[in-house]
Amino acid sequence: MERGTEDVAERGVVLRRVARVVLLDPDDRILLLHGYEPDDPEQTWWFTPGGGLEGDETREQAALRELAEETGITDVELGPVLWRRICSFPFDGRRWDQDEWYYLARTTQTATAPAGLTELEARSVAGLRWWTSAELSAARETVYPTRLAELLHRLLDEGPPSAPVVLAPEIA
């Protein structure tokens, strides 16, 4: 199993290893967090739960830990890696360069109770919401990864891919 928190990309940039969760409830709704730039609360977006690996965690362990911390949801069946992407973006006064793996997960636990937010998350997360595929497709708000509505629709129609799909890098 993969361990460690950082890896070096081909262009010499150190990438933060991240595990994200595409959490679906029994009605195939996806849970997203509503984030904002701490110094500019008008700059908002939606994103999947997840975060960086800590210590010698595997990505699977990080996915479950982050999900519990950010949502309070612990009754989860973690599935396969759906997608992988490299992304780079400015946030809270620094640049984040990440290697993100998106895991499929299912739960019947739909009540959320974030209890383990970091100080930065507490300053930049406005809440959570369950979205239907149709609601996500109709959304006019920013959602990451940017093709999430299309990817979710395909996942619900076709099931998980036989191997993780490598998404185009997103550089902001």
C-alpha atoms as a PDB file:
ATOM      1  CA  MET A   1       0.000   0.000   0.000  1.00  0.00           C
ATOM      2  CA  GLU A   2       1.110   3.530  -0.703  1.00  0.00           C
ATOM      3  CA  ARG A   3       2.459   5.455   2.257  1.00  0.00           C
ATOM      4  CA  GLY A   4       3.898   8.926   2.810  1.00  0.00           C
ATOM      5  CA  THR A   5       2.680  12.454   2.444  1.00  0.00           C
ATOM      6  CA  GLU A   6       4.563  13.855  -0.507  1.00  0.00           C
ATOM      7  CA  ASP A   7       5.804  12.840  -3.906  1.00  0.00           C
ATOM      8  CA  VAL A   8       7.872  14.666  -6.491  1.00  0.00           C
ATOM      9  CA  ALA A   9       6.188  15.330  -9.813  1.00  0.00           C
ATOM     10  CA  GLU A  10       8.070  15.154 -13.070  1.00  0.00           C
ATOM     11  CA  ARG A  11       8.463  18.921 -13.193  1.00  0.00           C
ATOM     12  CA  GLY A  12      10.150  18.984  -9.779  1.00  0.00           C
ATOM     13  CA  VAL A  13       7.156  20.238  -7.773  1.00  0.00           C
ATOM     14  CA  VAL A  14       6.484  18.454  -4.503  1.00  0.00           C
ATOM     15  CA  LEU A  15       2.907  17.188  -4.560  1.00  0.00           C
ATOM     16  CA  ARG A  16       0.749  16.808  -1.472  1.00  0.00           C
ATOM     17  CA  ARG A  17      -0.865  13.352  -1.502  1.00  0.00           C
ATOM     18  CA  VAL A  18      -4.614  13.711  -1.052  1.00  0.00           C
ATOM     19  CA  ALA A  19      -7.485  11.245  -0.653  1.00  0.00           C
ATOM     20  CA  ARG A  20     -10.972  12.483  -1.528  1.00  0.00           C
ATOM     21  CA  VAL A  21     -14.325  10.754  -1.136  1.00  0.00           C
ATOM     22  CA  VAL A  22     -17.235  10.617  -3.563  1.00  0.00           C
ATOM     23  CA  LEU A  23     -19.785   9.774  -0.870  1.00  0.00           C
ATOM     24  CA  LEU A  24     -23.178   8.572  -2.071  1.00  0.00           C
ATOM     25  CA  ASP A  25     -26.261   7.994   0.055  1.00  0.00           C
ATOM     26  CA  PRO A  26     -28.981   5.373  -0.664  1.00  0.00           C
ATOM     27  CA  ASP A  27     -30.656   7.844  -3.074  1.00  0.00           C
ATOM     28  CA  ASP A  28     -27.379   8.338  -5.014  1.00  0.00           C
ATOM     29  CA  ARG A  29     -26.961  11.877  -3.726  1.00  0.00           C
ATOM     30  CA  ILE A  30     -23.369  13.103  -3.339  1.00  0.00           C
ATOM     31  CA  LEU A  31     -22.150  14.974  -0.269  1.00  0.00           C
ATOM     32  CA  LEU A  32     -20.186  18.175  -0.948  1.00  0.00           C
ATOM     33  CA  LEU A  33     -18.624  20.754   1.339  1.00  0.00           C
ATOM     34  CA  HIS A  34     -19.121  24.475   0.715  1.00  0.00           C
ATOM     35  CA  GLY A  35     -15.790  26.246   0.947  1.00  0.00           C
ATOM     36  CA  TYR A  36     -14.588  29.808   0.670  1.00  0.00           C
ATOM     37  CA  GLU A  37     -11.368  31.787   0.663  1.00  0.00           C
ATOM     38  CA  PRO A  38     -10.768  32.828   4.318  1.00  0.00           C
ATOM     39  CA  ASP A  39      -9.830  36.399   3.353  1.00  0.00           C
ATOM     40  CA  ASP A  40     -12.615  36.703   0.728  1.00  0.00           C
ATOM     41  CA  PRO A  41     -15.843  34.941   1.836  1.00  0.00           C
ATOM     42  CA  GLU A  42     -17.519  35.962  -1.442  1.00  0.00           C
ATOM     43  CA  GLN A  43     -15.190  33.583  -3.323  1.00  0.00           C
ATOM     44  CA  THR A  44     -16.923  30.204  -2.829  1.00  0.00           C
ATOM     45  CA  TRP A  45     -16.966  26.693  -4.297  1.00  0.00           C
ATOM     46  CA  TRP A  46     -18.168  23.149  -3.555  1.00  0.00           C
ATOM     47  CA  PHE A  47     -15.859  20.167  -3.181  1.00  0.00           C
ATOM     48  CA  THR A  48     -15.713  16.559  -2.056  1.00  0.00           C
ATOM     49  CA  PRO A  49     -14.604  15.644   1.479  1.00  0.00           C
ATOM     50  CA  GLY A  50     -10.969  14.668   1.866  1.00  0.00           C
ATOM     51  CA  GLY A  51      -7.497  15.919   2.515  1.00  0.00           C
ATOM     52  CA  GLY A  52      -3.834  15.183   2.859  1.00  0.00           C
ATOM     53  CA  LEU A  53      -2.281  12.037   4.232  1.00  0.00           C
ATOM     54  CA  GLU A  54      -0.813  12.230   7.736  1.00  0.00           C
ATOM     55  CA  GLY A  55       2.273  10.317   8.834  1.00  0.00           C
ATOM     56  CA  ASP A  56       2.380   6.830   7.359  1.00  0.00           C
ATOM     57  CA  GLU A  57      -1.346   6.663   6.533  1.00  0.00           C
ATOM     58  CA  THR A  58      -2.477   4.927   3.382  1.00  0.00           C
ATOM     59  CA  ARG A  59      -4.791   6.867   1.108  1.00  0.00           C
ATOM     60  CA  GLU A  60      -7.660   4.616   2.198  1.00  0.00           C
ATOM     61  CA  GLN A  61      -7.010   5.435   5.859  1.00  0.00           C
ATOM     62  CA  ALA A  62      -6.760   9.148   5.070  1.00  0.00           C
ATOM     63  CA  ALA A  63     -10.033   9.057   3.114  1.00  0.00           C
ATOM     64  CA  LEU A  64     -11.924   7.533   6.046  1.00  0.00           C
ATOM     65  CA  ARG A  65     -10.268   9.808   8.634  1.00  0.00           C
ATOM     66  CA  GLU A  66     -10.916  12.978   6.627  1.00  0.00           C
ATOM     67  CA  LEU A  67     -14.509  11.941   5.968  1.00  0.00           C
ATOM     68  CA  ALA A  68     -15.119  11.407   9.692  1.00  0.00           C
ATOM     69  CA  GLU A  69     -13.444  14.698  10.649  1.00  0.00           C
ATOM     70  CA  GLU A  70     -15.147  16.841   8.011  1.00  0.00           C
ATOM     71  CA  THR A  71     -18.620  15.264   8.041  1.00  0.00           C
ATOM     72  CA  GLY A  72     -18.994  13.147  11.170  1.00  0.00           C
ATOM     73  CA  ILE A  73     -19.942  10.210   8.943  1.00  0.00           C
ATOM     74  CA  THR A  74     -18.236   6.976   9.975  1.00  0.00           C
ATOM     75  CA  ASP A  75     -20.649   4.289   8.757  1.00  0.00           C
ATOM     76  CA  VAL A  76     -19.090   3.995   5.310  1.00  0.00           C
ATOM     77  CA  GLU A  77     -18.321   1.307   2.785  1.00  0.00           C
ATOM     78  CA  LEU A  78     -15.182   2.495   0.989  1.00  0.00           C
ATOM     79  CA  GLY A  79     -14.992   1.382  -2.616  1.00  0.00           C
ATOM     80  CA  PRO A  80     -12.467   1.686  -5.413  1.00  0.00           C
ATOM     81  CA  VAL A  81     -10.504   4.674  -6.657  1.00  0.00           C
ATOM     82  CA  LEU A  82     -12.639   6.299  -9.355  1.00  0.00           C
ATOM     83  CA  TRP A  83     -10.489   9.168 -10.547  1.00  0.00           C
ATOM     84  CA  ARG A  84      -7.042  10.670 -10.127  1.00  0.00           C
ATOM     85  CA  ARG A  85      -5.948  14.207 -10.860  1.00  0.00           C
ATOM     86  CA  ILE A  86      -3.114  16.633 -10.354  1.00  0.00           C
ATOM     87  CA  CYS A  87      -4.217  20.109  -9.345  1.00  0.00           C
ATOM     88  CA  SER A  88      -2.600  23.357  -8.314  1.00  0.00           C
ATOM     89  CA  PHE A  89      -4.434  26.319  -6.850  1.00  0.00           C
ATOM     90  CA  PRO A  90      -3.955  29.355  -4.612  1.00  0.00           C
ATOM     91  CA  PHE A  91      -5.683  29.183  -1.228  1.00  0.00           C
ATOM     92  CA  ASP A  92      -5.145  31.017   2.062  1.00  0.00           C
ATOM     93  CA  GLY A  93      -2.072  32.854   0.836  1.00  0.00           C
ATOM     94  CA  ARG A  94      -0.163  29.901  -0.604  1.00  0.00           C
ATOM     95  CA  ARG A  95      -0.105  27.556  -3.590  1.00  0.00           C
ATOM     96  CA  TRP A  96      -1.317  23.994  -3.117  1.00  0.00           C
ATOM     97  CA  ASP A  97       0.061  21.338  -5.514  1.00  0.00           C
ATOM     98  CA  GLN A  98      -1.809  18.076  -5.060  1.00  0.00           C
ATOM     99  CA  ASP A  99      -2.057  14.505  -6.331  1.00  0.00           C
ATOM    100  CA  GLU A 100      -5.691  13.659  -5.584  1.00  0.00           C
ATOM    101  CA  TRP A 101      -7.280  10.198  -5.602  1.00  0.00           C
ATOM    102  CA  TYR A 102     -11.098  10.057  -5.491  1.00  0.00           C
ATOM    103  CA  TYR A 103     -12.602   7.028  -3.732  1.00  0.00           C
ATOM    104  CA  LEU A 104     -16.176   5.877  -4.148  1.00  0.00           C
ATOM    105  CA  ALA A 105     -17.961   5.363  -0.837  1.00  0.00           C
ATOM    106  CA  ARG A 106     -21.505   4.536   0.173  1.00  0.00           C
ATOM    107  CA  THR A 107     -23.353   5.274   3.389  1.00  0.00           C
ATOM    108  CA  THR A 108     -26.810   5.123   4.905  1.00  0.00           C
ATOM    109  CA  GLN A 109     -25.756   7.750   7.493  1.00  0.00           C
ATOM    110  CA  THR A 110     -26.954  11.071   6.039  1.00  0.00           C
ATOM    111  CA  ALA A 111     -26.848  13.274   9.159  1.00  0.00           C
ATOM    112  CA  THR A 112     -23.636  15.278   9.275  1.00  0.00           C
ATOM    113  CA  ALA A 113     -21.776  16.598  12.303  1.00  0.00           C
ATOM    114  CA  PRO A 114     -18.320  17.946  11.450  1.00  0.00           C
ATOM    115  CA  ALA A 115     -16.315  17.696  14.651  1.00  0.00           C
ATOM    116  CA  GLY A 116     -12.699  17.415  13.599  1.00  0.00           C
ATOM    117  CA  LEU A 117     -12.133  20.450  11.392  1.00  0.00           C
ATOM    118  CA  THR A 118      -8.649  21.903  11.371  1.00  0.00           C
ATOM    119  CA  GLU A 119      -8.218  25.586  12.173  1.00  0.00           C
ATOM    120  CA  LEU A 120      -7.960  26.367   8.451  1.00  0.00           C
ATOM    121  CA  GLU A 121     -11.070  24.296   7.645  1.00  0.00           C
ATOM    122  CA  ALA A 122     -12.995  26.061  10.406  1.00  0.00           C
ATOM    123  CA  ARG A 123     -12.086  29.386   8.730  1.00  0.00           C
ATOM    124  CA  SER A 124     -13.006  28.214   5.219  1.00  0.00           C
ATOM    125  CA  VAL A 125     -15.910  25.727   5.294  1.00  0.00           C
ATOM    126  CA  ALA A 126     -19.431  27.153   5.339  1.00  0.00           C
ATOM    127  CA  GLY A 127     -21.329  23.859   5.498  1.00  0.00           C
ATOM    128  CA  LEU A 128     -22.266  20.650   3.704  1.00  0.00           C
ATOM    129  CA  ARG A 129     -25.045  19.585   1.369  1.00  0.00           C
ATOM    130  CA  TRP A 130     -26.308  16.430  -0.311  1.00  0.00           C
ATOM    131  CA  TRP A 131     -26.790  16.963  -4.074  1.00  0.00           C
ATOM    132  CA  THR A 132     -28.707  14.918  -6.617  1.00  0.00           C
ATOM    133  CA  SER A 133     -27.056  14.392  -9.971  1.00  0.00           C
ATOM    134  CA  ALA A 134     -29.656  16.690 -11.574  1.00  0.00           C
ATOM    135  CA  GLU A 135     -29.023  19.449  -9.001  1.00  0.00           C
ATOM    136  CA  LEU A 136     -25.287  19.202  -9.555  1.00  0.00           C
ATOM    137  CA  SER A 137     -25.738  19.358 -13.338  1.00  0.00           C
ATOM    138  CA  ALA A 138     -27.892  22.482 -12.986  1.00  0.00           C
ATOM    139  CA  ALA A 139     -25.602  24.211 -10.493  1.00  0.00           C
ATOM    140  CA  ARG A 140     -24.230  27.611 -11.471  1.00  0.00           C
ATOM    141  CA  GLU A 141     -21.718  27.554  -8.639  1.00  0.00           C
ATOM    142  CA  THR A 142     -18.094  26.470  -8.874  1.00  0.00           C
ATOM    143  CA  VAL A 143     -17.583  22.770  -8.116  1.00  0.00           C
ATOM    144  CA  TYR A 144     -14.303  20.839  -7.938  1.00  0.00           C
ATOM    145  CA  PRO A 145     -13.259  18.850  -9.797  1.00  0.00           C
ATOM    146  CA  THR A 146     -14.770  21.014 -12.515  1.00  0.00           C
ATOM    147  CA  ARG A 147     -16.319  18.063 -14.389  1.00  0.00           C
ATOM    148  CA  LEU A 148     -17.879  16.530 -11.265  1.00  0.00           C
ATOM    149  CA  ALA A 149     -21.466  16.695 -12.570  1.00  0.00           C
ATOM    150  CA  GLU A 150     -20.514  14.821 -15.753  1.00  0.00           C
ATOM    151  CA  LEU A 151     -18.331  12.345 -13.842  1.00  0.00           C
ATOM    152  CA  LEU A 152     -21.101  11.625 -11.319  1.00  0.00           C
ATOM    153  CA  HIS A 153     -23.672  11.138 -14.083  1.00  0.00           C
ATOM    154  CA  ARG A 154     -21.367   8.634 -15.813  1.00  0.00           C
ATOM    155  CA  LEU A 155     -20.666   6.851 -12.511  1.00  0.00           C
ATOM    156  CA  LEU A 156     -24.368   6.467 -11.758  1.00  0.00           C
ATOM    157  CA  ASP A 157     -25.130   5.285 -15.312  1.00  0.00           C
ATOM    158  CA  GLU A 158     -22.179   2.956 -15.871  1.00  0.00           C
ATOM    159  CA  GLY A 159     -20.867   2.099 -12.407  1.00  0.00           C
ATOM    160  CA  PRO A 160     -17.262   2.495 -11.299  1.00  0.00           C
ATOM    161  CA  PRO A 161     -14.571   2.328 -13.987  1.00  0.00           C
ATOM    162  CA  SER A 162     -12.476  -0.858 -14.172  1.00  0.00           C
ATOM    163  CA  ALA A 163      -9.362   1.247 -13.464  1.00  0.00           C
ATOM    164  CA  PRO A 164      -9.050   4.806 -12.108  1.00  0.00           C
ATOM    165  CA  VAL A 165      -9.675   7.478 -14.748  1.00  0.00           C
ATOM    166  CA  VAL A 166      -6.900  10.060 -14.911  1.00  0.00           C
ATOM    167  CA  LEU A 167      -8.531  13.484 -15.169  1.00  0.00           C
ATOM    168  CA  ALA A 168      -6.917  16.426 -16.910  1.00  0.00           C
ATOM    169  CA  PRO A 169      -4.789  18.521 -14.554  1.00  0.00           C
ATOM    170  CA  GLU A 170      -6.479  21.593 -13.094  1.00  0.00           C
ATOM    171  CA  ILE A 171      -4.204  24.572 -12.605  1.00  0.00           C
ATOM    172  CA  ALA A 172      -5.740  27.749 -11.198  1.00  0.00           C
END
